[in-house]
């Protein structure tokens, strides 16, 4: 069961996807940058493509590792 903040995030992301379908921020590394800014330095952007008349859906899995120094 999703909590209120997860539901709010999903709603904001869905609204954002309607406006900017080419580049999608899927990971925010800093809570203060979670304003869905395309040029945000602390976000990871992907381009999602789906063909045909299907319900939009996507699952992204992976691992983020800390690099040497203070950079991810």
N, C-alpha and C. Protein backbone atom coordinates (compact mmCIF):
# COMPACT_ATOMS: atom_id res chain seq x y z
N UNK A 1 0.84 -1.18 0.00
CA UNK A 1 0.00 0.00 0.00
C UNK A 1 0.89 1.25 0.00
N UNK A 2 0.67 2.13 -0.94
CA UNK A 2 1.48 3.34 -1.07
C UNK A 2 1.03 4.38 -0.04
N UNK A 3 2.00 5.10 0.52
CA UNK A 3 1.64 6.16 1.46
C UNK A 3 1.35 7.45 0.70
N UNK A 4 0.98 8.48 1.44
CA UNK A 4 0.56 9.75 0.82
C UNK A 4 1.67 10.38 -0.02
N UNK A 5 2.90 10.38 0.49
CA UNK A 5 3.99 11.01 -0.26
C UNK A 5 4.31 10.24 -1.55
N UNK A 6 4.19 8.91 -1.52
CA UNK A 6 4.41 8.12 -2.74
C UNK A 6 3.32 8.41 -3.77
N UNK A 7 2.09 8.51 -3.32
CA UNK A 7 0.99 8.82 -4.24
C UNK A 7 1.16 10.22 -4.82
N UNK A 8 1.59 11.17 -3.99
CA UNK A 8 1.81 12.54 -4.48
C UNK A 8 2.94 12.56 -5.50
N UNK A 9 4.02 11.83 -5.24
CA UNK A 9 5.14 11.76 -6.18
C UNK A 9 4.68 11.17 -7.50
N UNK A 10 3.92 10.08 -7.46
CA UNK A 10 3.43 9.46 -8.70
C UNK A 10 2.55 10.42 -9.48
N UNK A 11 1.69 11.15 -8.78
CA UNK A 11 0.81 12.11 -9.45
C UNK A 11 1.63 13.23 -10.09
N UNK A 12 2.63 13.76 -9.37
CA UNK A 12 3.48 14.81 -9.93
C UNK A 12 4.27 14.29 -11.13
N UNK A 13 4.79 13.08 -11.02
CA UNK A 13 5.55 12.50 -12.12
C UNK A 13 4.65 12.31 -13.34
N UNK A 14 3.45 11.80 -13.15
CA UNK A 14 2.52 11.60 -14.26
C UNK A 14 2.21 12.94 -14.94
N UNK A 15 1.94 13.97 -14.15
CA UNK A 15 1.67 15.30 -14.71
C UNK A 15 2.87 15.82 -15.47
N UNK A 16 4.05 15.59 -14.95
CA UNK A 16 5.28 16.03 -15.62
C UNK A 16 5.47 15.28 -16.94
N UNK A 17 5.20 14.00 -16.95
CA UNK A 17 5.37 13.20 -18.17
C UNK A 17 4.48 13.69 -19.29
N UNK A 18 3.33 14.25 -18.94
CA UNK A 18 2.43 14.77 -19.97
C UNK A 18 3.03 16.02 -20.62
N UNK A 19 3.84 16.77 -19.87
CA UNK A 19 4.41 18.02 -20.37
C UNK A 19 5.74 17.83 -21.08
N UNK A 20 6.57 16.93 -20.59
CA UNK A 20 7.92 16.73 -21.13
C UNK A 20 8.12 15.25 -21.43
N UNK A 21 7.65 14.77 -22.58
CA UNK A 21 7.72 13.34 -22.87
C UNK A 21 9.09 12.84 -23.33
N UNK A 22 10.06 13.72 -23.60
CA UNK A 22 11.33 13.26 -24.15
C UNK A 22 12.35 12.88 -23.08
N UNK A 23 12.57 13.72 -22.10
CA UNK A 23 13.55 13.44 -21.04
C UNK A 23 12.83 13.38 -19.70
N UNK A 24 13.01 12.30 -18.98
CA UNK A 24 12.27 12.07 -17.75
C UNK A 24 13.22 11.88 -16.58
N UNK A 25 13.14 12.73 -15.54
CA UNK A 25 13.96 12.49 -14.36
C UNK A 25 13.39 11.32 -13.57
N UNK A 26 14.22 10.31 -13.32
CA UNK A 26 13.72 9.15 -12.59
C UNK A 26 14.39 8.98 -11.24
N UNK A 27 15.46 9.71 -10.98
CA UNK A 27 16.17 9.58 -9.72
C UNK A 27 16.65 10.94 -9.27
N UNK A 28 16.28 11.32 -8.07
CA UNK A 28 16.74 12.57 -7.49
C UNK A 28 17.70 12.25 -6.37
N UNK A 29 18.88 12.84 -6.40
CA UNK A 29 19.90 12.58 -5.40
C UNK A 29 19.86 13.59 -4.26
N UNK A 30 19.08 14.62 -4.41
CA UNK A 30 18.98 15.67 -3.41
C UNK A 30 17.52 16.06 -3.31
N UNK A 31 16.94 15.98 -2.12
CA UNK A 31 15.52 16.26 -1.94
C UNK A 31 15.15 17.68 -2.37
N UNK A 32 16.06 18.63 -2.22
CA UNK A 32 15.76 20.02 -2.59
C UNK A 32 15.67 20.21 -4.10
N UNK A 33 16.13 19.22 -4.89
CA UNK A 33 16.09 19.35 -6.35
C UNK A 33 14.93 18.58 -6.96
N UNK A 34 14.03 18.08 -6.16
CA UNK A 34 12.96 17.25 -6.69
C UNK A 34 11.80 18.08 -7.23
N UNK A 35 12.10 19.05 -8.05
CA UNK A 35 11.09 19.91 -8.67
C UNK A 35 10.90 19.55 -10.14
N UNK A 36 11.38 18.39 -10.55
CA UNK A 36 11.25 17.89 -11.92
C UNK A 36 11.91 18.82 -12.93
N UNK A 37 13.04 19.41 -12.58
CA UNK A 37 13.78 20.27 -13.49
C UNK A 37 14.62 19.41 -14.42
N UNK A 38 14.48 19.60 -15.71
CA UNK A 38 15.21 18.80 -16.69
C UNK A 38 16.71 19.03 -16.59
N UNK A 39 17.14 20.24 -16.26
CA UNK A 39 18.56 20.55 -16.20
C UNK A 39 19.13 20.43 -14.79
N UNK A 40 18.45 19.74 -13.91
CA UNK A 40 18.87 19.59 -12.52
C UNK A 40 20.16 18.77 -12.43
N UNK A 41 21.15 19.26 -11.68
CA UNK A 41 22.44 18.57 -11.57
C UNK A 41 22.35 17.30 -10.73
N UNK A 42 21.32 17.15 -9.92
CA UNK A 42 21.21 16.00 -9.04
C UNK A 42 20.12 15.03 -9.48
N UNK A 43 19.91 14.92 -10.77
CA UNK A 43 18.90 13.98 -11.26
C UNK A 43 19.47 13.13 -12.39
N UNK A 44 18.87 11.98 -12.58
CA UNK A 44 19.25 11.03 -13.62
C UNK A 44 18.12 11.02 -14.63
N UNK A 45 18.42 11.32 -15.89
CA UNK A 45 17.38 11.44 -16.91
C UNK A 45 17.42 10.25 -17.86
N UNK A 46 16.26 9.81 -18.28
CA UNK A 46 16.15 8.75 -19.28
C UNK A 46 15.12 9.16 -20.31
N UNK A 47 15.17 8.50 -21.45
CA UNK A 47 14.15 8.69 -22.47
C UNK A 47 13.39 7.38 -22.59
N UNK A 48 12.08 7.43 -22.39
CA UNK A 48 11.24 6.24 -22.42
C UNK A 48 10.42 6.25 -23.71
N UNK A 49 10.40 5.13 -24.40
CA UNK A 49 9.59 5.01 -25.62
C UNK A 49 8.68 3.81 -25.47
N UNK A 50 7.44 3.98 -25.88
CA UNK A 50 6.48 2.88 -25.87
C UNK A 50 5.63 3.01 -27.12
N UNK A 51 5.55 1.95 -27.86
CA UNK A 51 4.83 1.97 -29.13
C UNK A 51 3.52 1.20 -29.01
N UNK A 52 2.54 1.61 -29.76
CA UNK A 52 1.26 0.92 -29.77
C UNK A 52 0.28 1.53 -28.79
N UNK A 53 -0.91 0.98 -28.78
CA UNK A 53 -1.97 1.47 -27.91
C UNK A 53 -2.02 0.63 -26.64
N UNK A 54 -1.05 0.87 -25.77
CA UNK A 54 -0.99 0.14 -24.51
C UNK A 54 -1.07 1.13 -23.35
N UNK A 55 -1.37 0.61 -22.19
CA UNK A 55 -1.36 1.43 -20.99
C UNK A 55 0.08 1.80 -20.66
N UNK A 56 0.38 3.11 -20.47
CA UNK A 56 1.75 3.50 -20.14
C UNK A 56 2.22 2.83 -18.85
N UNK A 57 3.37 2.19 -18.91
CA UNK A 57 3.95 1.56 -17.72
C UNK A 57 5.45 1.40 -17.92
N UNK A 58 6.15 1.40 -16.82
CA UNK A 58 7.60 1.27 -16.89
C UNK A 58 8.13 0.80 -15.54
N UNK A 59 9.09 -0.11 -15.58
CA UNK A 59 9.80 -0.53 -14.38
C UNK A 59 11.28 -0.36 -14.65
N UNK A 60 11.94 0.38 -13.80
CA UNK A 60 13.37 0.61 -13.95
C UNK A 60 14.06 0.04 -12.72
N UNK A 61 15.03 -0.83 -12.95
CA UNK A 61 15.78 -1.43 -11.86
C UNK A 61 17.25 -1.14 -12.06
N UNK A 62 17.98 -1.07 -10.99
CA UNK A 62 19.41 -0.83 -11.11
C UNK A 62 20.04 -0.54 -9.77
N UNK A 63 21.30 -0.21 -9.81
CA UNK A 63 22.06 0.08 -8.60
C UNK A 63 22.87 1.35 -8.81
N UNK A 64 22.85 2.23 -7.84
CA UNK A 64 23.68 3.43 -7.87
C UNK A 64 24.81 3.23 -6.88
N UNK A 65 26.02 3.37 -7.35
CA UNK A 65 27.20 3.19 -6.51
C UNK A 65 27.94 4.51 -6.37
N UNK A 66 28.53 4.72 -5.20
CA UNK A 66 29.31 5.93 -4.98
C UNK A 66 30.68 5.75 -5.61
N UNK A 67 31.07 6.71 -6.42
CA UNK A 67 32.36 6.70 -7.09
C UNK A 67 33.42 7.24 -6.14
N UNK A 68 34.67 7.22 -6.55
CA UNK A 68 35.74 7.79 -5.74
C UNK A 68 35.54 9.28 -5.61
N UNK A 69 35.89 9.84 -4.49
CA UNK A 69 35.68 11.26 -4.25
C UNK A 69 34.27 11.49 -3.75
N UNK A 70 33.74 12.65 -4.00
CA UNK A 70 32.39 12.99 -3.55
C UNK A 70 31.37 12.95 -4.67
N UNK A 71 31.72 12.38 -5.80
CA UNK A 71 30.80 12.31 -6.92
C UNK A 71 30.18 10.93 -6.99
N UNK A 72 28.95 10.86 -7.47
CA UNK A 72 28.27 9.58 -7.64
C UNK A 72 28.60 9.02 -9.00
